[in-house]
Amino acid sequence: MEKVRTIKLFKDYFKEFYIEQTDDVRDKINFVLRLVETQRIIPRKFFRIIEGSDGIYEIRVELDSNIFRIFCCLDKGSIVVLFHGFQKKTQKTPSKEIKRAEAIKKEYFKSKEEK
């Protein structure tokens, strides 16, 4: 399928999360990331902006009763920059995870200015 977005990793935050997961979880993450790359309109079930955040989006991955979130932001509209991921254990997304994503986003855009 043709890509409408490009996925980019920033540092090793996402990679560290990804390699800790089981093969089944990684397969599901890959499936959802392919949706993000190839679908013009991504269902909210898989991708949504976090209300009240500074432009942080979450990619939502569910496998069996496990829920995972991968934080990211958009750059130039069609580049999805992946930050860190975590396994969600409560109904509400922990604010410390959102704050961490906002800090990584600042770090990402600052590193782009320095190039």
Protein backbone atom coordinates (compact mmCIF):
# COMPACT_ATOMS: atom_id res chain seq x y z
CA MET A 1 0.00 0.00 0.00
CA GLU A 2 1.03 3.54 -0.65
CA LYS A 3 2.24 5.52 2.34
CA VAL A 4 0.52 8.77 3.26
CA ARG A 5 2.70 9.31 6.32
CA THR A 6 6.29 8.54 7.27
CA ILE A 7 7.14 7.08 10.66
CA LYS A 8 10.34 8.32 12.23
CA LEU A 9 11.98 7.27 15.50
CA PHE A 10 13.54 9.83 17.79
CA LYS A 11 16.50 8.48 19.74
CA ASP A 12 15.99 5.02 21.32
CA TYR A 13 12.86 5.71 23.38
CA PHE A 14 10.49 3.70 21.18
CA LYS A 15 13.05 1.03 20.30
CA GLU A 16 13.68 0.25 23.99
CA PHE A 17 9.94 -0.21 24.56
CA TYR A 18 9.52 -2.27 21.36
CA ILE A 19 12.28 -4.80 22.04
CA GLU A 20 10.86 -5.54 25.52
CA GLN A 21 7.58 -6.77 24.00
CA THR A 22 6.60 -10.31 23.02
CA ASP A 23 6.47 -11.29 19.34
CA ASP A 24 2.66 -11.11 19.40
CA VAL A 25 2.68 -7.58 20.81
CA ARG A 26 5.33 -6.49 18.28
CA ASP A 27 3.19 -7.96 15.46
CA LYS A 28 0.19 -5.94 16.65
CA ILE A 29 2.32 -2.78 17.01
CA ASN A 30 3.58 -3.30 13.44
CA PHE A 31 0.00 -3.73 12.21
CA VAL A 32 -1.14 -0.48 13.85
CA LEU A 33 1.95 1.42 12.64
CA ARG A 34 1.18 0.25 9.07
CA LEU A 35 -2.35 1.66 9.48
CA VAL A 36 -0.88 4.98 10.62
CA GLU A 37 1.43 5.02 7.59
CA THR A 38 -1.09 4.00 4.93
CA GLN A 39 -4.58 5.19 5.95
CA ARG A 40 -5.66 8.74 5.12
CA ILE A 41 -8.18 8.61 7.96
CA ILE A 42 -7.02 6.60 10.96
CA PRO A 43 -9.79 5.35 13.27
CA ARG A 44 -9.70 7.01 16.72
CA LYS A 45 -9.46 3.53 18.15
CA PHE A 46 -5.84 3.48 16.94
CA PHE A 47 -4.71 7.11 16.82
CA ARG A 48 -5.86 10.26 18.59
CA ILE A 49 -4.61 13.51 20.03
CA ILE A 50 -4.36 13.64 23.80
CA GLU A 51 -6.73 16.31 25.07
CA GLY A 52 -5.01 19.09 26.99
CA SER A 53 -1.53 18.10 25.81
CA ASP A 54 0.93 20.12 23.77
CA GLY A 55 0.30 18.38 20.43
CA ILE A 56 0.93 14.86 21.71
CA TYR A 57 -0.80 11.98 19.95
CA GLU A 58 -1.16 8.43 21.12
CA ILE A 59 -1.08 5.30 19.02
CA ARG A 60 -3.28 2.73 20.71
CA VAL A 61 -2.47 -0.97 20.57
CA GLU A 62 -4.60 -3.66 22.20
CA LEU A 63 -3.83 -7.34 22.35
CA ASP A 64 -6.06 -9.62 24.39
CA SER A 65 -6.57 -7.72 27.66
CA ASN A 66 -3.31 -5.77 27.35
CA ILE A 67 -3.35 -2.13 26.31
CA PHE A 68 -0.28 -0.30 25.07
CA ARG A 69 0.21 3.35 24.20
CA ILE A 70 2.90 4.87 22.02
CA PHE A 71 3.25 8.62 22.21
CA CYS A 72 4.19 10.61 19.16
CA CYS A 73 3.83 13.98 17.48
CA LEU A 74 3.38 15.19 13.93
CA ASP A 75 6.12 17.03 12.09
CA LYS A 76 5.38 18.82 8.81
CA GLY A 77 1.95 17.21 8.84
CA SER A 78 2.90 13.84 7.38
CA ILE A 79 5.81 12.72 9.55
CA VAL A 80 4.84 10.81 12.69
CA VAL A 81 7.68 10.97 15.20
CA LEU A 82 7.51 8.10 17.70
CA PHE A 83 8.53 8.78 21.27
CA HIS A 84 8.13 6.26 24.08
CA GLY A 85 5.60 3.55 24.71
CA PHE A 86 4.21 1.92 27.83
CA GLN A 87 1.69 -0.67 28.92
CA LYS A 88 -1.43 0.96 30.22
CA LYS A 89 -2.67 -0.52 33.47
CA THR A 90 -5.37 1.98 34.49
CA GLN A 91 -8.32 3.64 32.75
CA LYS A 92 -6.67 7.06 32.71
CA THR A 93 -3.40 7.75 30.90
CA PRO A 94 -0.85 8.63 33.61
CA SER A 95 0.02 12.34 33.52
CA LYS A 96 3.70 11.55 34.10
CA GLU A 97 3.72 9.66 30.77
CA ILE A 98 2.15 12.65 29.00
CA LYS A 99 4.66 15.02 30.61
CA ARG A 100 7.50 12.73 29.51
CA ALA A 101 6.17 12.78 25.93
CA GLU A 102 5.94 16.59 25.98
CA ALA A 103 9.55 16.79 27.21
CA ILE A 104 10.70 14.41 24.44
CA LYS A 105 8.79 16.49 21.87
CA LYS A 106 10.63 19.65 23.02
CA GLU A 107 13.92 17.76 22.83
CA TYR A 108 13.08 16.56 19.30
CA PHE A 109 12.27 20.02 17.90
CA LYS A 110 15.27 21.56 19.69
CA SER A 111 17.57 18.93 18.12
CA LYS A 112 16.15 19.82 14.67
CA GLU A 113 16.97 23.51 15.19
CA GLU A 114 20.55 22.66 16.04
CA LYS A 115 21.19 20.89 12.73
